[in-house]
Amino acid sequence: MEIDWEKVKEWTLWHYDDLVRRISIVFEHTFVQEFYNHSMKEAEIYATGLLTFGIGKYKEYLERIRTSIRTLDGIGVRNYIDLIESVRTKEQCEDFLVRTKIPFRELISFLNYLFRWVLPFKIPVREFLDIENETHLEYARKLKEKGIMNNLDVLEYARTRAARIELSNQTGMPLQFLLGLANRADISRLPYIRGKTVTIFCNAGYDSLQKIAEARIDELVDALTNYLESIGSKFSKSFIEPDGAIAQAKILPIVVEQ
């Protein structure tokens, strides 16, 4: 079995140790452990929901992911955390590959899928704030003092009503602001969505994941097009895939209490 660690960066943009470290950091959040640590049976259903939309753009990719999931299930991998614990170091990974006979590239491709498609990507809080607004800058300072630095922290500490009430009492930040922030962080769980795109969705009238999940494709496209034109820009499906956003919003676990 050929193992070329230098190829990992070429395939994923990260060196192996960095890729596994990034995945592990996401799983340090308790809400991620609760909602994202899928069994392999759950993982296959989830992959289907994520990648089945439009005209089958991801059909071949989905079949490869399904094959990997079934292989992992067949060798006794219980869930994602179990997989990561089995391949945390290069030495453990080599041992895992020898024992399971899984091709090196297939494993790396699956880890890359897990990081890019399944798990929420860490985004700085400032991307969800108006940095020209003095009040928002003050809120950013207060959030930092509480250790809330990114979208995953927001969901960890402000996804429930009780948590937002407690945070509001501690910091003086309005509950409505905290709910809006939680909803923006929630939308950012969509694959390949970053702060700028979250802002576009919100300003187009889709300011919660539930609204995106319940959207009609034609109405969502019209809303995005109209908003982008109002700021001198153009809507492009190469930038935002509305059918994908709707399909993925439907499959994502419900994390935020309204």
Protein backbone atom coordinates (compact mmCIF):
# COMPACT_ATOMS: atom_id res chain seq x y z
CA MET A 1 0.00 0.00 0.00
CA GLU A 2 1.48 3.33 -1.09
CA ILE A 3 1.31 6.17 1.45
CA ASP A 4 2.53 9.57 0.30
CA TRP A 5 2.01 12.14 3.03
CA GLU A 6 3.02 15.00 0.74
CA LYS A 7 0.02 14.26 -1.46
CA VAL A 8 -2.40 15.09 1.36
CA LYS A 9 -1.82 18.83 1.01
CA GLU A 10 -2.27 18.58 -2.74
CA TRP A 11 -5.59 16.78 -2.30
CA THR A 12 -6.99 18.77 0.64
CA LEU A 13 -4.94 22.01 0.99
CA TRP A 14 -3.69 20.88 4.41
CA HIS A 15 -0.95 18.58 5.62
CA TYR A 16 -2.27 15.42 7.25
CA ASP A 17 -1.57 16.44 10.85
CA ASP A 18 -3.20 19.82 10.27
CA LEU A 19 -6.29 18.30 8.65
CA VAL A 20 -6.87 15.89 11.54
CA ARG A 21 -6.16 18.65 14.07
CA ARG A 22 -8.74 20.93 12.44
CA ILE A 23 -11.37 18.20 12.49
CA SER A 24 -10.57 17.43 16.14
CA ILE A 25 -10.91 21.10 17.13
CA VAL A 26 -14.41 21.25 15.65
CA PHE A 27 -15.37 18.15 17.62
CA GLU A 28 -14.25 19.80 20.87
CA HIS A 29 -17.54 21.72 20.85
CA THR A 30 -20.24 19.86 22.74
CA PHE A 31 -23.00 20.75 20.28
CA VAL A 32 -20.91 19.24 17.48
CA GLN A 33 -20.43 16.06 19.50
CA GLU A 34 -24.19 15.95 20.15
CA PHE A 35 -25.46 16.66 16.65
CA TYR A 36 -22.69 15.66 14.24
CA ASN A 37 -21.05 12.50 15.56
CA HIS A 38 -22.96 10.27 13.17
CA SER A 39 -22.94 6.51 13.13
CA MET A 40 -22.09 5.18 9.69
CA LYS A 41 -25.76 4.42 9.02
CA GLU A 42 -26.63 8.02 9.90
CA ALA A 43 -23.67 9.26 7.87
CA GLU A 44 -24.98 7.66 4.68
CA ILE A 45 -28.41 9.24 5.10
CA TYR A 46 -26.78 12.60 5.84
CA ALA A 47 -24.49 12.41 2.80
CA THR A 48 -27.48 11.71 0.58
CA GLY A 49 -29.28 14.78 1.92
CA LEU A 50 -26.23 16.99 1.48
CA LEU A 51 -25.32 15.99 -2.05
CA THR A 52 -28.62 15.13 -3.75
CA PHE A 53 -29.98 18.25 -5.42
CA GLY A 54 -30.17 19.96 -8.79
CA ILE A 55 -29.29 17.88 -11.85
CA GLY A 56 -27.07 15.40 -10.08
CA LYS A 57 -23.92 17.51 -10.08
CA TYR A 58 -22.48 15.51 -7.19
CA LYS A 59 -23.84 12.09 -8.15
CA GLU A 60 -20.46 10.40 -8.70
CA TYR A 61 -18.93 12.06 -5.65
CA LEU A 62 -21.87 10.93 -3.51
CA GLU A 63 -21.44 7.34 -4.67
CA ARG A 64 -17.76 7.41 -3.69
CA ILE A 65 -18.65 8.79 -0.26
CA ARG A 66 -21.37 6.18 0.21
CA THR A 67 -18.89 3.45 -0.70
CA SER A 68 -16.41 4.77 1.87
CA ILE A 69 -19.10 4.97 4.55
CA ARG A 70 -20.20 1.40 3.90
CA THR A 71 -16.59 0.24 4.03
CA LEU A 72 -16.04 1.99 7.36
CA ASP A 73 -19.26 0.52 8.70
CA GLY A 74 -18.19 -2.93 7.58
CA ILE A 75 -14.89 -2.77 9.49
CA GLY A 76 -16.61 -1.65 12.69
CA VAL A 77 -16.08 2.13 12.77
CA ARG A 78 -18.80 3.31 15.17
CA ASN A 79 -18.92 7.02 14.38
CA TYR A 80 -16.83 9.97 13.20
CA ILE A 81 -15.03 10.47 16.51
CA ASP A 82 -14.15 6.79 16.56
CA LEU A 83 -12.62 7.20 13.08
CA ILE A 84 -10.61 10.27 14.07
CA GLU A 85 -9.31 8.58 17.21
CA SER A 86 -8.18 5.66 15.03
CA VAL A 87 -6.16 7.85 12.64
CA ARG A 88 -5.12 10.77 14.87
CA THR A 89 -1.39 10.39 14.13
CA LYS A 90 0.42 9.26 11.01
CA GLU A 91 1.52 6.11 12.84
CA GLN A 92 -2.07 5.31 13.84
CA CYS A 93 -3.22 6.05 10.31
CA GLU A 94 -0.66 3.69 8.81
CA ASP A 95 -1.74 0.96 11.22
CA PHE A 96 -5.41 1.60 10.41
CA LEU A 97 -4.75 1.35 6.67
CA VAL A 98 -2.81 -1.89 7.05
CA ARG A 99 -5.54 -3.44 9.21
CA THR A 100 -8.49 -2.35 7.10
CA LYS A 101 -6.98 -2.44 3.59
CA ILE A 102 -8.65 0.89 2.82
CA PRO A 103 -6.74 2.77 0.09
CA PHE A 104 -4.81 5.77 1.39
CA ARG A 105 -6.41 8.23 -1.02
CA GLU A 106 -9.91 6.99 -0.19
CA LEU A 107 -9.36 7.64 3.51
CA ILE A 108 -7.95 11.12 2.87
CA SER A 109 -10.84 11.92 0.54
CA PHE A 110 -13.32 10.90 3.22
CA LEU A 111 -11.59 12.97 5.91
CA ASN A 112 -11.66 15.93 3.53
CA TYR A 113 -15.39 15.36 2.91
CA LEU A 114 -15.98 15.22 6.66
CA PHE A 115 -14.17 18.52 7.20
CA ARG A 116 -15.51 20.43 4.20
CA TRP A 117 -19.05 19.12 3.80
CA VAL A 118 -20.26 17.64 7.07
CA LEU A 119 -18.76 19.67 9.89
CA PRO A 120 -19.41 23.40 10.37
CA PHE A 121 -16.40 25.47 9.32
CA LYS A 122 -14.93 27.86 11.88
CA ILE A 123 -15.56 31.53 10.96
CA PRO A 124 -14.54 34.60 13.03
CA VAL A 125 -17.40 36.38 14.81
CA ARG A 126 -16.44 39.68 13.16
CA GLU A 127 -17.67 38.33 9.82
CA PHE A 128 -21.21 38.41 11.23
CA LEU A 129 -20.97 41.95 12.58
CA ASP A 130 -21.03 45.44 11.08
CA ILE A 131 -17.45 46.51 11.81
CA GLU A 132 -18.34 50.12 11.01
CA ASN A 133 -20.94 50.09 13.77
CA GLU A 134 -19.48 51.21 17.11
CA THR A 135 -22.07 49.23 19.04
CA HIS A 136 -21.15 46.06 17.17
CA LEU A 137 -17.48 46.67 17.87
CA GLU A 138 -18.33 46.92 21.56
CA TYR A 139 -20.32 43.70 21.33
CA ALA A 140 -17.35 42.04 19.63
CA ARG A 141 -15.19 43.05 22.58
CA LYS A 142 -17.70 41.64 25.07
CA LEU A 143 -17.97 38.40 23.13
CA LYS A 144 -14.20 38.08 23.09
CA GLU A 145 -14.09 38.56 26.87
CA LYS A 146 -16.47 35.59 27.14
CA GLY A 147 -14.25 33.49 24.88
CA ILE A 148 -16.70 33.68 21.98
CA MET A 149 -14.39 34.12 19.01
CA ASN A 150 -16.11 32.35 16.14
CA ASN A 151 -19.40 30.92 14.88
CA LEU A 152 -18.88 27.61 16.67
CA ASP A 153 -18.41 29.44 19.96
CA VAL A 154 -21.60 31.39 19.28
CA LEU A 155 -23.52 28.15 18.80
CA GLU A 156 -21.88 26.62 21.85
CA TYR A 157 -22.85 29.51 24.14
CA ALA A 158 -25.94 31.11 22.54
CA ARG A 159 -27.90 28.45 20.69
CA THR A 160 -30.54 28.02 23.41
CA ARG A 161 -32.92 30.63 24.82
CA ALA A 162 -31.66 30.04 28.35
CA ALA A 163 -28.05 30.48 27.29
CA ARG A 164 -28.84 33.74 25.47
CA ILE A 165 -30.69 35.10 28.50
CA GLU A 166 -27.72 34.29 30.72
CA LEU A 167 -25.27 35.83 28.24
CA SER A 168 -27.43 38.94 27.92
CA ASN A 169 -27.59 39.33 31.70
CA GLN A 170 -23.81 38.98 31.95
CA THR A 171 -22.89 41.34 29.11
CA GLY A 172 -25.81 43.70 28.56
CA MET A 173 -26.12 42.65 24.93
CA PRO A 174 -29.78 42.63 23.78
CA LEU A 175 -31.48 39.26 23.40
CA GLN A 176 -32.59 40.16 19.87
CA PHE A 177 -28.99 40.83 18.85
CA LEU A 178 -27.85 37.51 20.33
CA LEU A 179 -30.63 35.62 18.54
CA GLY A 180 -29.69 37.29 15.26
CA LEU A 181 -26.05 36.38 15.82
CA ALA A 182 -26.98 32.79 16.65
CA ASN A 183 -29.05 32.59 13.46
CA ARG A 184 -26.17 33.90 11.37
CA ALA A 185 -23.84 31.37 12.94
CA ASP A 186 -26.49 28.74 12.25
CA ILE A 187 -26.68 29.61 8.54
CA SER A 188 -22.89 29.39 8.37
CA ARG A 189 -23.18 25.65 9.02
CA LEU A 190 -24.19 25.24 5.39
CA PRO A 191 -21.27 23.75 3.43
CA TYR A 192 -18.91 26.27 1.83
CA ILE A 193 -20.81 29.24 3.30
CA ARG A 194 -18.81 32.06 4.86
CA GLY A 195 -19.69 35.35 6.53
CA LYS A 196 -20.18 37.36 3.35
CA THR A 197 -22.68 34.84 1.97
CA VAL A 198 -24.52 34.68 5.30
CA THR A 199 -24.96 38.45 5.13
CA ILE A 200 -26.36 38.17 1.60
CA PHE A 201 -28.93 35.58 2.70
CA CYS A 202 -29.95 37.69 5.71
CA ASN A 203 -30.23 40.96 3.77
CA ALA A 204 -32.28 39.15 1.12
CA GLY A 205 -34.81 38.24 3.81
CA TYR A 206 -33.63 34.72 4.68
CA ASP A 207 -32.19 35.41 8.11
CA SER A 208 -32.58 31.94 9.62
CA LEU A 209 -31.75 28.42 8.54
CA GLN A 210 -35.43 27.50 8.84
CA LYS A 211 -36.42 30.17 6.32
CA ILE A 212 -33.88 28.80 3.85
CA ALA A 213 -35.10 25.24 4.41
CA GLU A 214 -38.70 26.30 3.75
CA ALA A 215 -37.88 28.50 0.75
CA ARG A 216 -39.17 27.98 -2.76
CA ILE A 217 -36.31 27.94 -5.22
CA ASP A 218 -37.78 30.62 -7.51
CA GLU A 219 -38.55 32.96 -4.62
CA LEU A 220 -35.09 32.51 -3.11
CA VAL A 221 -33.39 33.20 -6.44
CA ASP A 222 -35.52 36.33 -6.94
CA ALA A 223 -34.74 37.60 -3.43
CA LEU A 224 -31.01 37.02 -3.81
CA THR A 225 -30.98 38.58 -7.29
CA ASN A 226 -32.90 41.67 -6.17
CA TYR A 227 -30.71 42.23 -3.12
CA LEU A 228 -27.45 41.79 -5.03
CA GLU A 229 -28.64 44.13 -7.78
CA SER A 230 -29.52 46.73 -5.13
CA ILE A 231 -25.87 46.83 -4.08
CA GLY A 232 -24.53 46.83 -7.62
CA SER A 233 -23.72 43.15 -7.87
CA LYS A 234 -25.05 40.16 -9.78
CA PHE A 235 -26.41 36.81 -8.68
CA SER A 236 -24.44 33.78 -9.86
CA LYS A 237 -25.16 30.11 -9.15
CA SER A 238 -21.42 29.52 -9.21
CA PHE A 239 -21.25 31.68 -6.07
CA ILE A 240 -24.48 30.59 -4.34
CA GLU A 241 -26.27 27.35 -5.22
CA PRO A 242 -29.82 28.05 -4.01
CA ASP A 243 -31.09 24.52 -4.64
CA GLY A 244 -28.15 23.16 -2.66
CA ALA A 245 -28.72 25.62 0.17
CA ILE A 246 -32.38 24.59 0.46
CA ALA A 247 -31.61 20.86 0.36
CA GLN A 248 -28.79 21.18 2.87
CA ALA A 249 -30.76 23.41 5.22
CA LYS A 250 -33.39 20.66 5.35
CA ILE A 251 -30.88 17.96 6.37
CA LEU A 252 -28.85 19.97 8.88
CA PRO A 253 -29.66 19.15 12.52
CA ILE A 254 -31.77 21.75 14.33
CA VAL A 255 -29.34 23.43 16.70
CA VAL A 256 -30.70 26.92 17.46
CA GLU A 257 -33.78 27.55 19.59
CA GLN A 258 -35.70 30.56 18.27
